[in-house]
């Protein structure tokens, strides 16, 4: 488990990708997290003691990217020991199905999250991000039934690394249900938090080969959340303009500012860019294909 596998993309569950949960935050004390989104036949609500920022998003995407390269999962019907502890900390309710597990060194998460250099401060920030993610509860109301689960759970957060269990919505995306793909190669070249938050939202809401016309106000909501006026509004408009320009420089994106506060954003199909068939990079896995023996799991837990 010490390999430094390249993290090119993260497979993400689409509702969280488009919900205004991860925002560019002020340096002051964080407000509580409380975001609700209607998605398909479900109503989802994310709640937690702290609002989540772009560093938490980067950490989650890094974990999702690593999860897509591993084969660890927990069957709730046979979970004992550390596996049972992870499930209990998830506070899982609803359908009893497998959950994906990430086992990684902090350095690997640091690299996938886009930190340009290695430092103890980076690792401290990632640990704080994992804690905030683990404190976030996802409530899902569907077909007259409400389910609750943490966004993730974790154990063994020592100096070497961490073991993380992902909630079932994230697991379903990894296992071939509805998902979106976020390029970490693209994200990690972007200059600031505003551009990264915008890129994540656009990746979740625009399919490859399509174009959407969006309003500046809608983009503001997915970067900063709150509405502002005056000089703060003008400052954010300038940051948004720079974010759009940065994304426009990426080979797979085109952004065009229009009159009356609108913007056309095109996501170019990969085959158009590379002259070959696009590949979403996702291995076709079944639940059975991800099962591991207890000895495999326990060996990996040694980090």
Protein backbone atom coordinates (compact mmCIF):
# COMPACT_ATOMS: atom_id res chain seq x y z
CA UNK A 1 0.00 0.00 0.00
CA UNK A 2 2.97 2.33 -0.34
CA UNK A 3 2.79 2.87 -4.10
CA UNK A 4 2.48 6.42 -5.41
CA UNK A 5 -0.13 5.60 -8.06
CA UNK A 6 -1.00 8.57 -10.25
CA UNK A 7 -4.41 9.99 -9.37
CA UNK A 8 -5.83 11.26 -12.66
CA UNK A 9 -9.51 11.51 -11.77
CA UNK A 10 -12.09 10.92 -9.06
CA UNK A 11 -15.37 9.05 -9.49
CA UNK A 12 -17.90 11.15 -7.58
CA UNK A 13 -21.54 10.74 -6.65
CA UNK A 14 -23.41 13.32 -8.74
CA UNK A 15 -25.69 14.88 -6.12
CA UNK A 16 -22.80 15.96 -3.91
CA UNK A 17 -20.85 17.11 -6.95
CA UNK A 18 -23.50 19.69 -7.88
CA UNK A 19 -24.72 20.67 -4.40
CA UNK A 20 -23.26 23.92 -2.98
CA UNK A 21 -21.63 22.08 -0.07
CA UNK A 22 -17.94 22.89 -0.68
CA UNK A 23 -17.47 26.66 -0.91
CA UNK A 24 -14.72 29.25 -0.82
CA UNK A 25 -14.82 30.29 2.83
CA UNK A 26 -13.61 33.32 4.73
CA UNK A 27 -10.72 32.87 7.15
CA UNK A 28 -13.02 33.64 10.10
CA UNK A 29 -14.90 31.08 12.19
CA UNK A 30 -16.98 28.64 10.14
CA UNK A 31 -20.75 28.59 10.20
CA UNK A 32 -22.62 25.30 10.53
CA UNK A 33 -23.21 23.23 7.41
CA UNK A 34 -26.84 22.88 6.30
CA UNK A 35 -27.48 22.34 2.57
CA UNK A 36 -30.54 20.69 1.00
CA UNK A 37 -30.87 19.53 -2.60
CA UNK A 38 -33.64 17.79 -4.51
CA UNK A 39 -32.02 15.12 -6.70
CA UNK A 40 -34.14 12.74 -8.76
CA UNK A 41 -36.56 10.97 -6.43
CA UNK A 42 -34.55 11.89 -3.33
CA UNK A 43 -34.19 14.92 -1.10
CA UNK A 44 -30.67 15.14 0.32
CA UNK A 45 -29.52 17.25 3.23
CA UNK A 46 -25.91 17.67 4.36
CA UNK A 47 -25.48 18.84 7.95
CA UNK A 48 -22.44 19.29 10.15
CA UNK A 49 -20.86 21.46 12.84
CA UNK A 50 -18.57 23.17 10.31
CA UNK A 51 -19.10 24.50 6.80
CA UNK A 52 -16.93 22.65 4.27
CA UNK A 53 -14.42 24.46 2.09
CA UNK A 54 -12.33 23.70 -0.98
CA UNK A 55 -9.58 21.95 1.07
CA UNK A 56 -12.20 19.47 2.32
CA UNK A 57 -13.36 18.97 -1.27
CA UNK A 58 -9.77 18.35 -2.41
CA UNK A 59 -9.28 15.79 0.35
CA UNK A 60 -12.53 13.99 -0.47
CA UNK A 61 -11.71 13.87 -4.18
CA UNK A 62 -8.25 12.51 -3.34
CA UNK A 63 -9.82 9.74 -1.25
CA UNK A 64 -12.31 8.93 -4.01
CA UNK A 65 -9.51 8.78 -6.56
CA UNK A 66 -7.50 6.38 -4.40
CA UNK A 67 -10.63 4.30 -3.69
CA UNK A 68 -11.09 3.83 -7.43
CA UNK A 69 -7.61 2.30 -7.62
CA UNK A 70 -8.10 -0.09 -4.72
CA UNK A 71 -10.33 -3.12 -4.15
CA UNK A 72 -11.21 -2.92 -0.47
CA UNK A 73 -14.80 -3.11 0.75
CA UNK A 74 -16.78 -4.13 3.83
CA UNK A 75 -19.72 -6.54 3.81
CA UNK A 76 -21.97 -5.54 6.73
CA UNK A 77 -23.12 -9.15 7.11
CA UNK A 78 -19.62 -10.38 7.99
CA UNK A 79 -17.95 -7.26 9.44
CA UNK A 80 -15.99 -7.73 12.67
CA UNK A 81 -13.15 -5.85 14.34
CA UNK A 82 -11.99 -2.75 12.46
CA UNK A 83 -14.56 -3.33 9.73
CA UNK A 84 -17.41 -3.30 12.24
CA UNK A 85 -15.96 -0.19 13.89
CA UNK A 86 -15.89 1.67 10.57
CA UNK A 87 -19.50 0.72 9.85
CA UNK A 88 -20.65 1.76 13.31
CA UNK A 89 -18.98 5.15 12.92
CA UNK A 90 -20.75 5.63 9.59
CA UNK A 91 -24.04 5.29 11.51
CA UNK A 92 -25.41 3.40 8.53
CA UNK A 93 -29.13 3.08 8.11
CA UNK A 94 -31.28 1.89 5.25
CA UNK A 95 -30.27 -0.84 2.76
CA UNK A 96 -27.49 -3.07 4.05
CA UNK A 97 -24.97 -3.18 1.22
CA UNK A 98 -21.21 -3.06 0.96
CA UNK A 99 -19.20 0.11 1.49
CA UNK A 100 -15.90 0.98 -0.16
CA UNK A 101 -12.78 1.44 1.95
CA UNK A 102 -9.69 3.59 1.32
CA UNK A 103 -6.36 2.68 2.90
CA UNK A 104 -3.61 5.19 2.19
CA UNK A 105 -0.59 7.01 3.52
CA UNK A 106 -1.04 10.71 4.20
CA UNK A 107 1.61 11.49 1.57
CA UNK A 108 -0.42 9.75 -1.12
CA UNK A 109 -3.55 11.71 -0.16
CA UNK A 110 -1.47 14.91 -0.11
CA UNK A 111 -0.29 14.31 -3.68
CA UNK A 112 -3.75 13.43 -5.00
CA UNK A 113 -5.22 16.50 -3.28
CA UNK A 114 -2.93 18.72 -5.34
CA UNK A 115 -0.44 20.01 -2.78
CA UNK A 116 2.63 21.10 -4.71
CA UNK A 117 5.11 20.14 -1.98
CA UNK A 118 5.27 17.85 1.03
CA UNK A 119 5.04 19.33 4.52
CA UNK A 120 3.79 18.58 7.99
CA UNK A 121 1.41 21.51 7.71
CA UNK A 122 -0.22 19.98 4.63
CA UNK A 123 -0.74 16.70 6.47
CA UNK A 124 -2.24 18.54 9.44
CA UNK A 125 -4.68 20.32 7.11
CA UNK A 126 -5.65 17.02 5.47
CA UNK A 127 -6.27 15.41 8.87
CA UNK A 128 -8.51 18.34 9.85
CA UNK A 129 -10.36 17.97 6.53
CA UNK A 130 -10.93 14.25 7.12
CA UNK A 131 -12.32 15.02 10.59
CA UNK A 132 -14.74 17.61 9.19
CA UNK A 133 -15.88 15.20 6.49
CA UNK A 134 -16.41 12.50 9.12
CA UNK A 135 -18.54 14.91 11.17
CA UNK A 136 -20.83 15.60 8.20
CA UNK A 137 -24.12 13.70 8.12
CA UNK A 138 -26.01 13.01 4.90
CA UNK A 139 -29.78 12.65 5.28
CA UNK A 140 -31.67 11.13 2.35
CA UNK A 141 -35.46 11.11 2.10
CA UNK A 142 -36.81 8.80 -0.60
CA UNK A 143 -40.08 6.91 -1.12
CA UNK A 144 -41.37 8.01 2.27
CA UNK A 145 -38.31 6.72 4.15
CA UNK A 146 -35.44 8.74 5.61
CA UNK A 147 -31.88 7.40 5.82
CA UNK A 148 -28.92 8.87 7.67
CA UNK A 149 -25.19 8.29 7.31
CA UNK A 150 -21.92 10.08 7.85
CA UNK A 151 -20.11 11.23 4.72
CA UNK A 152 -17.26 8.94 5.75
CA UNK A 153 -15.76 7.26 8.80
CA UNK A 154 -12.10 6.74 9.68
CA UNK A 155 -9.75 4.89 11.99
CA UNK A 156 -6.00 4.54 12.44
CA UNK A 157 -5.33 8.21 11.77
CA UNK A 158 -1.73 7.97 12.95
CA UNK A 159 1.45 9.47 11.50
CA UNK A 160 1.54 6.84 8.76
CA UNK A 161 -1.88 7.04 7.21
CA UNK A 162 -5.58 6.47 7.54
CA UNK A 163 -8.31 3.92 6.88
CA UNK A 164 -11.55 5.45 5.59
CA UNK A 165 -14.98 3.94 4.85
CA UNK A 166 -17.11 5.83 2.32
CA UNK A 167 -20.87 6.14 2.61
CA UNK A 168 -23.13 4.11 0.36
CA UNK A 169 -23.88 6.86 -2.14
CA UNK A 170 -20.15 7.29 -2.78
CA UNK A 171 -19.73 3.52 -2.88
CA UNK A 172 -22.56 3.11 -5.40
CA UNK A 173 -20.88 5.65 -7.71
CA UNK A 174 -17.60 3.73 -7.51
CA UNK A 175 -19.37 0.45 -8.19
CA UNK A 176 -20.97 1.56 -11.45
CA UNK A 177 -24.19 3.33 -10.47
CA UNK A 178 -24.79 6.92 -11.53
CA UNK A 179 -21.52 8.83 -11.30
CA UNK A 180 -19.57 11.79 -12.63
CA UNK A 181 -15.85 12.06 -13.26
CA UNK A 182 -13.71 14.95 -12.04
CA UNK A 183 -10.25 15.28 -13.56
CA UNK A 184 -7.68 15.83 -10.83
CA UNK A 185 -5.07 16.53 -13.48
CA UNK A 186 -7.19 19.50 -14.54
CA UNK A 187 -8.17 20.57 -11.03
CA UNK A 188 -4.63 20.53 -9.68
CA UNK A 189 -3.40 22.91 -12.37
CA UNK A 190 -5.99 25.57 -11.51
CA UNK A 191 -4.65 28.67 -9.71
CA UNK A 192 -6.97 29.13 -6.73
CA UNK A 193 -9.93 27.90 -4.70
CA UNK A 194 -12.50 29.79 -6.78
CA UNK A 195 -11.40 28.04 -9.97
CA UNK A 196 -11.33 24.62 -8.26
CA UNK A 197 -14.81 25.02 -6.77
CA UNK A 198 -16.16 26.13 -10.15
CA UNK A 199 -14.43 23.29 -12.00
CA UNK A 200 -15.92 20.70 -9.64
CA UNK A 201 -19.44 22.07 -10.12
CA UNK A 202 -19.09 22.27 -13.90
CA UNK A 203 -17.68 18.72 -14.03
CA UNK A 204 -20.78 17.51 -12.22
CA UNK A 205 -23.32 19.45 -14.25
CA UNK A 206 -22.03 19.39 -17.86
CA UNK A 207 -21.58 16.19 -19.81
CA UNK A 208 -18.68 15.76 -22.22
CA UNK A 209 -19.67 16.95 -25.67
CA UNK A 210 -22.34 19.38 -24.45
CA UNK A 211 -22.71 23.10 -23.78
CA UNK A 212 -24.72 24.88 -21.08
CA UNK A 213 -25.68 28.51 -20.68
CA UNK A 214 -25.47 29.52 -17.03
CA UNK A 215 -25.97 32.77 -15.18
CA UNK A 216 -23.28 34.53 -13.20
CA UNK A 217 -25.57 34.43 -10.15
CA UNK A 218 -25.81 30.63 -10.34
CA UNK A 219 -22.04 30.32 -10.55
CA UNK A 220 -21.63 32.66 -7.57
CA UNK A 221 -23.89 30.36 -5.53
CA UNK A 222 -21.68 27.34 -6.21
CA UNK A 223 -18.44 29.12 -5.31
CA UNK A 224 -19.39 31.34 -2.35
CA UNK A 225 -22.97 30.42 -1.49
CA UNK A 226 -24.14 33.69 0.04
CA UNK A 227 -25.40 36.71 -1.91
CA UNK A 228 -23.46 39.96 -1.59
CA UNK A 229 -23.57 43.45 -3.08
CA UNK A 230 -21.30 46.43 -3.64
CA UNK A 231 -17.52 46.09 -3.62
CA UNK A 232 -17.64 42.48 -2.41
CA UNK A 233 -19.82 41.58 -5.37
CA UNK A 234 -17.45 43.33 -7.77
CA UNK A 235 -14.48 41.54 -6.23
CA UNK A 236 -16.18 38.18 -6.61
CA UNK A 237 -17.11 38.96 -10.21
CA UNK A 238 -13.44 39.53 -10.96
CA UNK A 239 -12.44 36.28 -9.23
CA UNK A 240 -15.13 34.45 -11.19
CA UNK A 241 -13.89 35.97 -14.43
CA UNK A 242 -10.36 34.77 -13.66
CA UNK A 243 -11.68 31.32 -12.75
CA UNK A 244 -13.53 31.07 -16.07
CA UNK A 245 -10.41 32.17 -17.94
CA UNK A 246 -8.33 29.54 -16.14
CA UNK A 247 -10.85 26.79 -16.99
CA UNK A 248 -11.02 28.04 -20.58
CA UNK A 249 -7.28 27.34 -20.84
CA UNK A 250 -7.89 23.64 -20.18
CA UNK A 251 -8.05 21.57 -23.41
CA UNK A 252 -11.43 20.04 -22.51
CA UNK A 253 -13.26 23.29 -21.73
CA UNK A 254 -14.43 26.47 -23.46
CA UNK A 255 -15.95 29.40 -21.54
CA UNK A 256 -17.49 32.46 -23.18
CA UNK A 257 -18.84 35.46 -21.26
CA UNK A 258 -22.09 36.84 -22.70
CA UNK A 259 -24.15 39.98 -22.11
CA UNK A 260 -26.72 40.23 -19.31
CA UNK A 261 -24.75 38.17 -16.80
CA UNK A 262 -24.62 34.91 -18.73
CA UNK A 263 -21.85 32.53 -19.78
CA UNK A 264 -21.70 29.65 -22.26
CA UNK A 265 -19.59 26.73 -21.05
CA UNK A 266 -18.71 23.82 -23.32
CA UNK A 267 -17.15 20.55 -22.22
CA UNK A 268 -15.37 19.10 -25.20
CA UNK A 269 -15.56 15.36 -25.81
CA UNK A 270 -12.22 13.66 -25.24
CA UNK A 271 -12.23 12.08 -28.69
CA UNK A 272 -12.37 15.59 -30.16
CA UNK A 273 -9.29 16.58 -28.18
CA UNK A 274 -7.18 13.48 -28.66
CA UNK A 275 -8.47 12.17 -31.96
CA UNK A 276 -9.37 8.83 -30.42
CA UNK A 277 -12.26 7.20 -28.61
CA UNK A 278 -12.93 8.72 -25.23
CA UNK A 279 -12.27 6.50 -22.22
CA UNK A 280 -13.86 7.37 -18.90
CA UNK A 281 -11.05 5.47 -17.17
CA UNK A 282 -13.48 3.53 -14.98
CA UNK A 283 -12.86 -0.16 -14.56
CA UNK A 284 -16.04 -2.19 -14.82
CA UNK A 285 -16.30 -3.67 -11.34
CA UNK A 286 -18.99 -5.70 -9.67
CA UNK A 287 -19.50 -5.94 -5.93
CA UNK A 288 -18.12 -9.45 -5.99
CA UNK A 289 -15.10 -8.21 -7.89
CA UNK A 290 -14.19 -5.87 -5.04
CA UNK A 291 -14.45 -8.33 -2.17
CA UNK A 292 -11.23 -9.01 -0.30
CA UNK A 293 -10.35 -11.69 2.17
CA UNK A 294 -9.98 -10.74 5.84
CA UNK A 295 -6.25 -11.37 5.63
CA UNK A 296 -5.92 -8.95 2.69
CA UNK A 297 -7.75 -6.25 4.62
CA UNK A 298 -5.85 -6.76 7.85
CA UNK A 299 -2.49 -6.79 6.05
CA UNK A 300 -3.34 -3.51 4.34
CA UNK A 301 -4.43 -2.05 7.68
CA UNK A 302 -0.86 -2.30 8.86
CA UNK A 303 -0.01 0.61 6.51
